[in-house]
Full PDB file with SEQRES, HELIX, SHEET, SSBOND, CRYST1, ORIGX, SCALE, CONECT and MASTER records, all heavy atoms in Angstrom:
SEQRES   1 A   40  LEU ASN HIS ALA GLY PRO VAL SER LEU ARG TYR PRO LYS          
SEQRES   2 A   40  ALA SER LEU GLU LYS ILE GLU ARG ALA VAL ALA PRO ILE          
SEQRES   3 A   40  GLU LEU GLY GLN ALA GLU VAL HIS ASP TRP GLY SER ASP          
SEQRES   4 A   40  GLY                                                          
CRYST1    1.000    1.000    1.000  90.00  90.00  90.00 P 1           1          
ORIGX1      1.000000  0.000000  0.000000        0.00000                         
ORIGX2      0.000000  1.000000  0.000000        0.00000                         
ORIGX3      0.000000  0.000000  1.000000        0.00000                         
SCALE1      1.000000  0.000000  0.000000        0.00000                         
SCALE2      0.000000  1.000000  0.000000        0.00000                         
SCALE3      0.000000  0.000000  1.000000        0.00000                         
ATOM      1  N   LEU A   1      -5.637  16.801   0.645  1.00  0.00           N  
ATOM      2  CA  LEU A   1      -6.208  17.769   1.583  1.00  0.00           C  
ATOM      3  C   LEU A   1      -5.347  19.001   1.766  1.00  0.00           C  
ATOM      4  O   LEU A   1      -5.821  20.060   2.254  1.00  0.00           O  
ATOM      5  CB  LEU A   1      -6.431  17.108   2.931  1.00  0.00           C  
ATOM      6  CG  LEU A   1      -7.510  15.992   2.945  1.00  0.00           C  
ATOM      7  CD1 LEU A   1      -7.557  15.309   4.302  1.00  0.00           C  
ATOM      8  CD2 LEU A   1      -8.873  16.557   2.587  1.00  0.00           C  
ATOM      9  N   ASN A   2      -4.078  18.927   1.342  1.00  0.00           N  
ATOM     10  CA  ASN A   2      -3.199  20.051   1.447  1.00  0.00           C  
ATOM     11  C   ASN A   2      -2.919  20.718   0.114  1.00  0.00           C  
ATOM     12  O   ASN A   2      -2.131  21.686   0.042  1.00  0.00           O  
ATOM     13  CB  ASN A   2      -1.864  19.603   2.088  1.00  0.00           C  
ATOM     14  CG  ASN A   2      -1.998  19.335   3.597  1.00  0.00           C  
ATOM     15  OD1 ASN A   2      -1.924  20.265   4.385  1.00  0.00           O  
ATOM     16  ND2 ASN A   2      -2.193  18.087   3.934  1.00  0.00           N  
ATOM     17  N   HIS A   3      -3.575  20.197  -0.950  1.00  0.00           N  
ATOM     18  CA  HIS A   3      -3.370  20.783  -2.297  1.00  0.00           C  
ATOM     19  C   HIS A   3      -4.277  22.008  -2.423  1.00  0.00           C  
ATOM     20  O   HIS A   3      -5.410  22.035  -1.919  1.00  0.00           O  
ATOM     21  CB  HIS A   3      -3.713  19.740  -3.355  1.00  0.00           C  
ATOM     22  CG  HIS A   3      -3.465  20.212  -4.728  1.00  0.00           C  
ATOM     23  ND1 HIS A   3      -2.200  20.490  -5.231  1.00  0.00           N  
ATOM     24  CD2 HIS A   3      -4.323  20.481  -5.752  1.00  0.00           C  
ATOM     25  CE1 HIS A   3      -2.292  20.890  -6.475  1.00  0.00           C  
ATOM     26  NE2 HIS A   3      -3.583  20.910  -6.821  1.00  0.00           N  
ATOM     27  N   ALA A   4      -3.812  23.011  -3.159  1.00  0.00           N  
ATOM     28  CA  ALA A   4      -4.532  24.286  -3.272  1.00  0.00           C  
ATOM     29  C   ALA A   4      -5.683  24.245  -4.264  1.00  0.00           C  
ATOM     30  O   ALA A   4      -6.440  25.237  -4.349  1.00  0.00           O  
ATOM     31  CB  ALA A   4      -3.549  25.391  -3.657  1.00  0.00           C  
ATOM     32  N   GLY A   5      -5.861  23.177  -5.008  1.00  0.00           N  
ATOM     33  CA  GLY A   5      -6.950  23.094  -5.980  1.00  0.00           C  
ATOM     34  C   GLY A   5      -7.705  21.778  -5.846  1.00  0.00           C  
ATOM     35  O   GLY A   5      -7.474  21.000  -4.911  1.00  0.00           O  
ATOM     36  N   PRO A   6      -8.601  21.503  -6.774  1.00  0.00           N  
ATOM     37  CA  PRO A   6      -9.400  20.283  -6.702  1.00  0.00           C  
ATOM     38  C   PRO A   6      -8.621  19.028  -7.030  1.00  0.00           C  
ATOM     39  O   PRO A   6      -7.735  19.047  -7.875  1.00  0.00           O  
ATOM     40  CB  PRO A   6     -10.504  20.521  -7.737  1.00  0.00           C  
ATOM     41  CG  PRO A   6      -9.924  21.503  -8.721  1.00  0.00           C  
ATOM     42  CD  PRO A   6      -9.002  22.368  -7.906  1.00  0.00           C  
ATOM     43  N   VAL A   7      -8.958  17.958  -6.344  1.00  0.00           N  
ATOM     44  CA  VAL A   7      -8.294  16.673  -6.505  1.00  0.00           C  
ATOM     45  C   VAL A   7      -9.331  15.551  -6.574  1.00  0.00           C  
ATOM     46  O   VAL A   7     -10.299  15.537  -5.782  1.00  0.00           O  
ATOM     47  CB  VAL A   7      -7.313  16.365  -5.336  1.00  0.00           C  
ATOM     48  CG1 VAL A   7      -6.671  14.989  -5.511  1.00  0.00           C  
ATOM     49  CG2 VAL A   7      -6.234  17.427  -5.256  1.00  0.00           C  
ATOM     50  N   SER A   8      -9.159  14.612  -7.488  1.00  0.00           N  
ATOM     51  CA  SER A   8      -9.975  13.423  -7.566  1.00  0.00           C  
ATOM     52  C   SER A   8      -9.115  12.221  -7.169  1.00  0.00           C  
ATOM     53  O   SER A   8      -8.054  11.991  -7.746  1.00  0.00           O  
ATOM     54  CB  SER A   8     -10.508  13.237  -8.979  1.00  0.00           C  
ATOM     55  OG  SER A   8     -11.194  12.013  -9.123  1.00  0.00           O  
ATOM     56  N   LEU A   9      -9.593  11.469  -6.195  1.00  0.00           N  
ATOM     57  CA  LEU A   9      -8.880  10.297  -5.663  1.00  0.00           C  
ATOM     58  C   LEU A   9      -9.826   9.093  -5.723  1.00  0.00           C  
ATOM     59  O   LEU A   9     -10.891   9.107  -5.105  1.00  0.00           O  
ATOM     60  CB  LEU A   9      -8.453  10.570  -4.228  1.00  0.00           C  
ATOM     61  CG  LEU A   9      -7.873   9.442  -3.395  1.00  0.00           C  
ATOM     62  CD1 LEU A   9      -6.562   8.986  -3.998  1.00  0.00           C  
ATOM     63  CD2 LEU A   9      -7.640   9.875  -1.947  1.00  0.00           C  
ATOM     64  N   ARG A  10      -9.440   8.071  -6.499  1.00  0.00           N  
ATOM     65  CA  ARG A  10     -10.330   6.918  -6.678  1.00  0.00           C  
ATOM     66  C   ARG A  10      -9.775   5.706  -5.942  1.00  0.00           C  
ATOM     67  O   ARG A  10      -8.574   5.511  -5.847  1.00  0.00           O  
ATOM     68  CB  ARG A  10     -10.503   6.608  -8.190  1.00  0.00           C  
ATOM     69  CG  ARG A  10      -9.319   5.925  -8.824  1.00  0.00           C  
ATOM     70  CD  ARG A  10      -9.363   5.764 -10.321  1.00  0.00           C  
ATOM     71  NE  ARG A  10     -10.618   5.357 -10.914  1.00  0.00           N  
ATOM     72  CZ  ARG A  10     -10.849   4.173 -11.450  1.00  0.00           C  
ATOM     73  NH1 ARG A  10      -9.936   3.201 -11.405  1.00  0.00           N  
ATOM     74  NH2 ARG A  10     -12.002   3.910 -11.993  1.00  0.00           N  
ATOM     75  N   TYR A  11     -10.679   4.869  -5.417  1.00  0.00           N  
ATOM     76  CA  TYR A  11     -10.279   3.610  -4.764  1.00  0.00           C  
ATOM     77  C   TYR A  11     -11.428   2.630  -4.893  1.00  0.00           C  
ATOM     78  O   TYR A  11     -12.597   3.001  -5.059  1.00  0.00           O  
ATOM     79  CB  TYR A  11      -9.914   3.847  -3.301  1.00  0.00           C  
ATOM     80  CG  TYR A  11     -10.915   4.654  -2.503  1.00  0.00           C  
ATOM     81  CD1 TYR A  11     -11.956   3.998  -1.816  1.00  0.00           C  
ATOM     82  CD2 TYR A  11     -10.849   6.016  -2.436  1.00  0.00           C  
ATOM     83  CE1 TYR A  11     -12.891   4.702  -1.089  1.00  0.00           C  
ATOM     84  CE2 TYR A  11     -11.772   6.740  -1.707  1.00  0.00           C  
ATOM     85  CZ  TYR A  11     -12.796   6.089  -1.045  1.00  0.00           C  
ATOM     86  OH  TYR A  11     -13.732   6.784  -0.332  1.00  0.00           O  
ATOM     87  N   PRO A  12     -11.138   1.344  -4.824  1.00  0.00           N  
ATOM     88  CA  PRO A  12     -12.157   0.325  -5.141  1.00  0.00           C  
ATOM     89  C   PRO A  12     -12.987  -0.066  -3.916  1.00  0.00           C  
ATOM     90  O   PRO A  12     -12.704   0.286  -2.788  1.00  0.00           O  
ATOM     91  CB  PRO A  12     -11.301  -0.880  -5.568  1.00  0.00           C  
ATOM     92  CG  PRO A  12     -10.080  -0.751  -4.713  1.00  0.00           C  
ATOM     93  CD  PRO A  12      -9.822   0.735  -4.596  1.00  0.00           C  
ATOM     94  N   LYS A  13     -14.054  -0.805  -4.229  1.00  0.00           N  
ATOM     95  CA  LYS A  13     -14.876  -1.416  -3.171  1.00  0.00           C  
ATOM     96  C   LYS A  13     -14.096  -2.539  -2.484  1.00  0.00           C  
ATOM     97  O   LYS A  13     -14.273  -2.799  -1.293  1.00  0.00           O  
ATOM     98  CB  LYS A  13     -16.159  -1.924  -3.754  1.00  0.00           C  
ATOM     99  CG  LYS A  13     -17.116  -2.591  -2.751  1.00  0.00           C  
ATOM    100  CD  LYS A  13     -18.339  -3.134  -3.446  1.00  0.00           C  
ATOM    101  CE  LYS A  13     -19.269  -3.823  -2.461  1.00  0.00           C  
ATOM    102  NZ  LYS A  13     -20.430  -4.432  -3.124  1.00  0.00           N  
ATOM    103  N   ALA A  14     -13.221  -3.179  -3.216  1.00  0.00           N  
ATOM    104  CA  ALA A  14     -12.442  -4.303  -2.700  1.00  0.00           C  
ATOM    105  C   ALA A  14     -11.362  -3.816  -1.723  1.00  0.00           C  
ATOM    106  O   ALA A  14     -10.963  -2.661  -1.731  1.00  0.00           O  
ATOM    107  CB  ALA A  14     -11.784  -5.054  -3.869  1.00  0.00           C  
ATOM    108  N   SER A  15     -10.878  -4.750  -0.899  1.00  0.00           N  
ATOM    109  CA  SER A  15      -9.750  -4.437   0.007  1.00  0.00           C  
ATOM    110  C   SER A  15      -8.489  -4.252  -0.815  1.00  0.00           C  
ATOM    111  O   SER A  15      -8.254  -4.951  -1.802  1.00  0.00           O  
ATOM    112  CB  SER A  15      -9.560  -5.567   1.015  1.00  0.00           C  
ATOM    113  OG  SER A  15     -10.710  -5.719   1.822  1.00  0.00           O  
ATOM    114  N   LEU A  16      -7.675  -3.303  -0.384  1.00  0.00           N  
ATOM    115  CA  LEU A  16      -6.408  -3.037  -1.100  1.00  0.00           C  
ATOM    116  C   LEU A  16      -5.293  -3.955  -0.585  1.00  0.00           C  
ATOM    117  O   LEU A  16      -5.194  -4.218   0.623  1.00  0.00           O  
ATOM    118  CB  LEU A  16      -5.995  -1.583  -0.879  1.00  0.00           C  
ATOM    119  CG  LEU A  16      -6.822  -0.511  -1.583  1.00  0.00           C  
ATOM    120  CD1 LEU A  16      -6.319   0.877  -1.170  1.00  0.00           C  
ATOM    121  CD2 LEU A  16      -6.763  -0.672  -3.079  1.00  0.00           C  
ATOM    122  N   GLU A  17      -4.513  -4.413  -1.516  1.00  0.00           N  
ATOM    123  CA  GLU A  17      -3.292  -5.161  -1.153  1.00  0.00           C  
ATOM    124  C   GLU A  17      -2.170  -4.171  -0.836  1.00  0.00           C  
ATOM    125  O   GLU A  17      -2.289  -2.972  -1.070  1.00  0.00           O  
ATOM    126  CB  GLU A  17      -2.875  -6.082  -2.297  1.00  0.00           C  
ATOM    127  CG  GLU A  17      -3.879  -7.169  -2.636  1.00  0.00           C  
ATOM    128  CD  GLU A  17      -3.361  -8.080  -3.728  1.00  0.00           C  
ATOM    129  OE1 GLU A  17      -2.316  -8.705  -3.538  1.00  0.00           O  
ATOM    130  OE2 GLU A  17      -4.027  -8.160  -4.785  1.00  0.00           O  
ATOM    131  N   LYS A  18      -1.070  -4.679  -0.311  1.00  0.00           N  
ATOM    132  CA  LYS A  18       0.071  -3.850   0.035  1.00  0.00           C  
ATOM    133  C   LYS A  18       1.350  -4.470  -0.493  1.00  0.00           C  
ATOM    134  O   LYS A  18       1.622  -5.650  -0.238  1.00  0.00           O  
ATOM    135  CB  LYS A  18       0.160  -3.642   1.523  1.00  0.00           C  
ATOM    136  CG  LYS A  18       1.279  -2.669   1.947  1.00  0.00           C  
ATOM    137  CD  LYS A  18       1.249  -2.441   3.452  1.00  0.00           C  
ATOM    138  CE  LYS A  18       2.342  -1.470   3.876  1.00  0.00           C  
ATOM    139  NZ  LYS A  18       2.337  -1.208   5.336  1.00  0.00           N  
ATOM    140  N   ILE A  19       2.090  -3.712  -1.309  1.00  0.00           N  
ATOM    141  CA  ILE A  19       3.378  -4.165  -1.837  1.00  0.00           C  
ATOM    142  C   ILE A  19       4.476  -3.705  -0.872  1.00  0.00           C  
ATOM    143  O   ILE A  19       4.606  -2.513  -0.616  1.00  0.00           O  
ATOM    144  CB  ILE A  19       3.634  -3.613  -3.233  1.00  0.00           C  
ATOM    145  CG1 ILE A  19       2.560  -4.117  -4.214  1.00  0.00           C  
ATOM    146  CG2 ILE A  19       5.024  -3.986  -3.718  1.00  0.00           C  
ATOM    147  CD1 ILE A  19       2.553  -5.632  -4.396  1.00  0.00           C  
ATOM    148  N   GLU A  20       5.226  -4.646  -0.355  1.00  0.00           N  
ATOM    149  CA  GLU A  20       6.324  -4.299   0.570  1.00  0.00           C  
ATOM    150  C   GLU A  20       7.483  -3.674  -0.252  1.00  0.00           C  
ATOM    151  O   GLU A  20       8.011  -4.264  -1.155  1.00  0.00           O  
ATOM    152  CB  GLU A  20       6.833  -5.554   1.302  1.00  0.00           C  
ATOM    153  CG  GLU A  20       5.779  -6.169   2.243  1.00  0.00           C  
ATOM    154  CD  GLU A  20       5.349  -5.203   3.335  1.00  0.00           C  
ATOM    155  OE1 GLU A  20       6.200  -4.349   3.773  1.00  0.00           O  
ATOM    156  OE2 GLU A  20       4.190  -5.272   3.794  1.00  0.00           O  
ATOM    157  N   ARG A  21       7.782  -2.428   0.088  1.00  0.00           N  
ATOM    158  CA  ARG A  21       8.807  -1.706  -0.609  1.00  0.00           C  
ATOM    159  C   ARG A  21       9.138  -0.435   0.164  1.00  0.00           C  
ATOM    160  O   ARG A  21       8.421  -0.093   1.114  1.00  0.00           O  
ATOM    161  CB  ARG A  21       8.339  -1.311  -2.016  1.00  0.00           C  
ATOM    162  CG  ARG A  21       7.199  -0.297  -2.020  1.00  0.00           C  
ATOM    163  CD  ARG A  21       6.465  -0.270  -3.338  1.00  0.00           C  
ATOM    164  NE  ARG A  21       5.538   0.853  -3.483  1.00  0.00           N  
ATOM    165  CZ  ARG A  21       4.318   0.885  -2.961  1.00  0.00           C  
ATOM    166  NH1 ARG A  21       3.887  -0.146  -2.245  1.00  0.00           N  
ATOM    167  NH2 ARG A  21       3.505   1.924  -3.145  1.00  0.00           N  
ATOM    168  N   ALA A  22      10.190   0.264  -0.229  1.00  0.00           N  
ATOM    169  CA  ALA A  22      10.449   1.598   0.283  1.00  0.00           C  
ATOM    170  C   ALA A  22       9.545   2.555  -0.480  1.00  0.00           C  
ATOM    171  O   ALA A  22       9.848   2.899  -1.651  1.00  0.00           O  
ATOM    172  CB  ALA A  22      11.923   1.976   0.108  1.00  0.00           C  
ATOM    173  N   VAL A  23       8.441   2.953   0.099  1.00  0.00           N  
ATOM    174  CA  VAL A  23       7.402   3.712  -0.632  1.00  0.00           C  
ATOM    175  C   VAL A  23       7.934   5.110  -0.953  1.00  0.00           C  
ATOM    176  O   VAL A  23       8.340   5.855  -0.058  1.00  0.00           O  
ATOM    177  CB  VAL A  23       6.106   3.804   0.206  1.00  0.00           C  
ATOM    178  CG1 VAL A  23       5.044   4.559  -0.574  1.00  0.00           C  
ATOM    179  CG2 VAL A  23       5.611   2.402   0.560  1.00  0.00           C  
ATOM    180  N   ALA A  24       7.890   5.448  -2.227  1.00  0.00           N  
ATOM    181  CA  ALA A  24       8.290   6.793  -2.641  1.00  0.00           C  
ATOM    182  C   ALA A  24       7.267   7.810  -2.181  1.00  0.00           C  
ATOM    183  O   ALA A  24       6.062   7.525  -2.155  1.00  0.00           O  
ATOM    184  CB  ALA A  24       8.420   6.846  -4.162  1.00  0.00           C  
ATOM    185  N   PRO A  25       7.693   9.013  -1.803  1.00  0.00           N  
ATOM    186  CA  PRO A  25       6.730  10.027  -1.328  1.00  0.00           C  
ATOM    187  C   PRO A  25       5.801  10.459  -2.455  1.00  0.00           C  
ATOM    188  O   PRO A  25       6.146  10.367  -3.654  1.00  0.00           O  
ATOM    189  CB  PRO A  25       7.674  11.176  -0.876  1.00  0.00           C  
ATOM    190  CG  PRO A  25       8.936  10.970  -1.609  1.00  0.00           C  
ATOM    191  CD  PRO A  25       9.110   9.492  -1.730  1.00  0.00           C  
ATOM    192  N   ILE A  26       4.631  10.920  -2.089  1.00  0.00           N  
ATOM    193  CA  ILE A  26       3.651  11.405  -3.059  1.00  0.00           C  
ATOM    194  C   ILE A  26       4.023  12.837  -3.445  1.00  0.00           C  
ATOM    195  O   ILE A  26       4.031  13.745  -2.592  1.00  0.00           O  
ATOM    196  CB  ILE A  26       2.227  11.384  -2.516  1.00  0.00           C  
ATOM    197  CG1 ILE A  26       1.847   9.964  -2.041  1.00  0.00           C  
ATOM    198  CG2 ILE A  26       1.232  11.905  -3.549  1.00  0.00           C  
ATOM    199  CD1 ILE A  26       1.777   8.938  -3.161  1.00  0.00           C  
ATOM    200  N   GLU A  27       4.375  13.021  -4.700  1.00  0.00           N  
ATOM    201  CA  GLU A  27       4.681  14.349  -5.226  1.00  0.00           C  
ATOM    202  C   GLU A  27       3.825  14.586  -6.480  1.00  0.00           C  
ATOM    203  O   GLU A  27       3.601  13.666  -7.257  1.00  0.00           O  
ATOM    204  CB  GLU A  27       6.155  14.467  -5.578  1.00  0.00           C  
ATOM    205  CG  GLU A  27       7.082  14.272  -4.387  1.00  0.00           C  
ATOM    206  CD  GLU A  27       8.546  14.352  -4.765  1.00  0.00           C  
ATOM    207  OE1 GLU A  27       8.842  14.788  -5.891  1.00  0.00           O  
ATOM    208  OE2 GLU A  27       9.410  13.979  -3.941  1.00  0.00           O  
ATOM    209  N   LEU A  28       3.361  15.794  -6.647  1.00  0.00           N  
ATOM    210  CA  LEU A  28       2.441  16.116  -7.746  1.00  0.00           C  
ATOM    211  C   LEU A  28       2.989  15.650  -9.086  1.00  0.00           C  
ATOM    212  O   LEU A  28       4.064  16.037  -9.500  1.00  0.00           O  
ATOM    213  CB  LEU A  28       2.209  17.641  -7.793  1.00  0.00           C  
ATOM    214  CG  LEU A  28       1.240  18.130  -8.873  1.00  0.00           C  
ATOM    215  CD1 LEU A  28      -0.160  17.573  -8.677  1.00  0.00           C  
ATOM    216  CD2 LEU A  28       1.210  19.658  -8.902  1.00  0.00           C  
ATOM    217  N   GLY A  29       2.197  14.791  -9.744  1.00  0.00           N  
ATOM    218  CA  GLY A  29       2.531  14.346 -11.069  1.00  0.00           C  
ATOM    219  C   GLY A  29       3.740  13.438 -11.183  1.00  0.00           C  
ATOM    220  O   GLY A  29       4.352  13.322 -12.263  1.00  0.00           O  
ATOM    221  N   GLN A  30       4.082  12.750 -10.096  1.00  0.00           N  
ATOM    222  CA  GLN A  30       5.237  11.885 -10.089  1.00  0.00           C  
ATOM    223  C   GLN A  30       4.835  10.409  -9.940  1.00  0.00           C  
ATOM    224  O   GLN A  30       4.124  10.055  -9.002  1.00  0.00           O  
ATOM    225  CB  GLN A  30       6.193  12.249  -8.929  1.00  0.00           C  
ATOM    226  CG  GLN A  30       6.859  13.593  -9.107  1.00  0.00           C  
ATOM    227  CD  GLN A  30       7.797  13.620 -10.305  1.00  0.00           C  
ATOM    228  OE1 GLN A  30       8.678  12.790 -10.455  1.00  0.00           O  
ATOM    229  NE2 GLN A  30       7.587  14.611 -11.192  1.00  0.00           N  
ATOM    230  N   ALA A  31       5.250   9.587 -10.877  1.00  0.00           N  
ATOM    231  CA  ALA A  31       5.044   8.136 -10.775  1.00  0.00           C  
ATOM    232  C   ALA A  31       6.109   7.511  -9.870  1.00  0.00           C  
ATOM    233  O   ALA A  31       7.104   8.165  -9.538  1.00  0.00           O  
ATOM    234  CB  ALA A  31       5.111   7.519 -12.166  1.00  0.00           C  
ATOM    235  N   GLU A  32       5.846   6.288  -9.469  1.00  0.00           N  
ATOM    236  CA  GLU A  32       6.804   5.526  -8.640  1.00  0.00           C  
ATOM    237  C   GLU A  32       7.327   4.358  -9.478  1.00  0.00           C  
ATOM    238  O   GLU A  32       6.551   3.513  -9.900  1.00  0.00           O  
ATOM    239  CB  GLU A  32       6.104   5.010  -7.379  1.00  0.00           C  
ATOM    240  CG  GLU A  32       6.998   4.168  -6.499  1.00  0.00           C  
ATOM    241  CD  GLU A  32       6.245   3.551  -5.334  1.00  0.00           C  
ATOM    242  OE1 GLU A  32       5.073   3.117  -5.533  1.00  0.00           O  
ATOM    243  OE2 GLU A  32       6.807   3.451  -4.226  1.00  0.00           O  
ATOM    244  N   VAL A  33       8.635   4.351  -9.709  1.00  0.00           N  
ATOM    245  CA  VAL A  33       9.255   3.252 -10.460  1.00  0.00           C  
ATOM    246  C   VAL A  33       9.592   2.134  -9.480  1.00  0.00           C  
ATOM    247  O   VAL A  33      10.471   2.278  -8.643  1.00  0.00           O  
ATOM    248  CB  VAL A  33      10.522   3.716 -11.220  1.00  0.00           C  
ATOM    249  CG1 VAL A  33      11.144   2.534 -11.946  1.00  0.00           C  
ATOM    250  CG2 VAL A  33      10.182   4.837 -12.175  1.00  0.00           C  
ATOM    251  N   HIS A  34       8.851   1.027  -9.603  1.00  0.00           N  
ATOM    252  CA  HIS A  34       9.105  -0.130  -8.759  1.00  0.00           C  
ATOM    253  C   HIS A  34      10.284  -0.924  -9.287  1.00  0.00           C  
ATOM    254  O   HIS A  34      11.184  -1.284  -8.556  1.00  0.00           O  
ATOM    255  CB  HIS A  34       7.828  -1.006  -8.694  1.00  0.00           C  
ATOM    256  CG  HIS A  34       7.936  -2.174  -7.776  1.00  0.00           C  
ATOM    257  ND1 HIS A  34       8.062  -2.028  -6.417  1.00  0.00           N  
ATOM    258  CD2 HIS A  34       7.932  -3.515  -8.027  1.00  0.00           C  
ATOM    259  CE1 HIS A  34       8.128  -3.221  -5.861  1.00  0.00           C  
ATOM    260  NE2 HIS A  34       8.056  -4.137  -6.804  1.00  0.00           N  
ATOM    261  N   ASP A  35      10.259  -1.219 -10.578  1.00  0.00           N  
ATOM    262  CA  ASP A  35      11.391  -1.844 -11.305  1.00  0.00           C  
ATOM    263  C   ASP A  35      11.369  -1.282 -12.706  1.00  0.00           C  
ATOM    264  O   ASP A  35      10.309  -1.053 -13.286  1.00  0.00           O  
ATOM    265  CB  ASP A  35      11.238  -3.376 -11.367  1.00  0.00           C  
ATOM    266  CG  ASP A  35      11.437  -4.035 -10.020  1.00  0.00           C  
ATOM    267  OD1 ASP A  35      12.522  -3.875  -9.432  1.00  0.00           O  
ATOM    268  OD2 ASP A  35      10.495  -4.699  -9.549  1.00  0.00           O  
ATOM    269  N   TRP A  36      12.557  -1.076 -13.287  1.00  0.00           N  
ATOM    270  CA  TRP A  36      12.595  -0.527 -14.614  1.00  0.00           C  
ATOM    271  C   TRP A  36      12.538  -1.598 -15.716  1.00  0.00           C  
ATOM    272  O   TRP A  36      11.825  -1.473 -16.687  1.00  0.00           O  
ATOM    273  CB  TRP A  36      13.859   0.335 -14.797  1.00  0.00           C  
ATOM    274  CG  TRP A  36      13.863   1.084 -16.100  1.00  0.00           C  
ATOM    275  CD1 TRP A  36      14.684   0.861 -17.176  1.00  0.00           C  
ATOM    276  CD2 TRP A  36      13.016   2.167 -16.484  1.00  0.00           C  
ATOM    277  NE1 TRP A  36      14.394   1.745 -18.192  1.00  0.00           N  
ATOM    278  CE2 TRP A  36      13.372   2.551 -17.782  1.00  0.00           C  
ATOM    279  CE3 TRP A  36      11.958   2.841 -15.856  1.00  0.00           C  
ATOM    280  CZ2 TRP A  36      12.724   3.617 -18.453  1.00  0.00           C  
ATOM    281  CZ3 TRP A  36      11.349   3.854 -16.499  1.00  0.00           C  
ATOM    282  CH2 TRP A  36      11.697   4.232 -17.801  1.00  0.00           C  
ATOM    283  N   GLY A  37      13.252  -2.701 -15.514  1.00  0.00           N  
ATOM    284  CA  GLY A  37      13.226  -3.792 -16.486  1.00  0.00           C  
ATOM    285  C   GLY A  37      14.031  -3.463 -17.727  1.00  0.00           C  
ATOM    286  O   GLY A  37      14.544  -2.353 -17.908  1.00  0.00           O  
ATOM    287  N   SER A  38      14.145  -4.442 -18.602  1.00  0.00           N  
ATOM    288  CA  SER A  38      14.887  -4.253 -19.858  1.00  0.00           C  
ATOM    289  C   SER A  38      14.130  -4.795 -21.065  1.00  0.00           C  
ATOM    290  O   SER A  38      14.395  -4.379 -22.194  1.00  0.00           O  
ATOM    291  CB  SER A  38      16.243  -4.979 -19.773  1.00  0.00           C  
ATOM    292  OG  SER A  38      16.072  -6.337 -19.479  1.00  0.00           O  
ATOM    293  N   ASP A  39      13.170  -5.690 -20.856  1.00  0.00           N  
ATOM    294  CA  ASP A  39      12.396  -6.293 -21.979  1.00  0.00           C  
ATOM    295  C   ASP A  39      11.054  -5.595 -22.155  1.00  0.00           C  
ATOM    296  O   ASP A  39      10.315  -5.929 -23.112  1.00  0.00           O  
ATOM    297  CB  ASP A  39      12.202  -7.771 -21.726  1.00  0.00           C  
ATOM    298  CG  ASP A  39      13.503  -8.535 -21.778  1.00  0.00           C  
ATOM    299  OD1 ASP A  39      14.374  -8.199 -22.588  1.00  0.00           O  
ATOM    300  OD2 ASP A  39      13.642  -9.504 -20.981  1.00  0.00           O  
ATOM    301  N   GLY A  40      10.706  -4.694 -21.286  1.00  0.00           N  
ATOM    302  CA  GLY A  40       9.419  -4.020 -21.336  1.00  0.00           C  
ATOM    303  C   GLY A  40       9.005  -3.563 -19.943  1.00  0.00           C  
ATOM    304  O   GLY A  40       9.683  -3.869 -18.968  1.00  0.00           O  
TER     305      GLY A  40                                                      
MASTER        0    0    0    0    0    0    0    6  304    1    0    4          
END                                                                             
């Protein structure tokens, strides 16, 4: 709602689960690394 251009935001019919974590802020084009891992 604060972005200067068009945005598409999708969400399911189902209820959303919640992962307990320190939630990273939403920044344009930025993913959130939950764990990096070493095998994949």
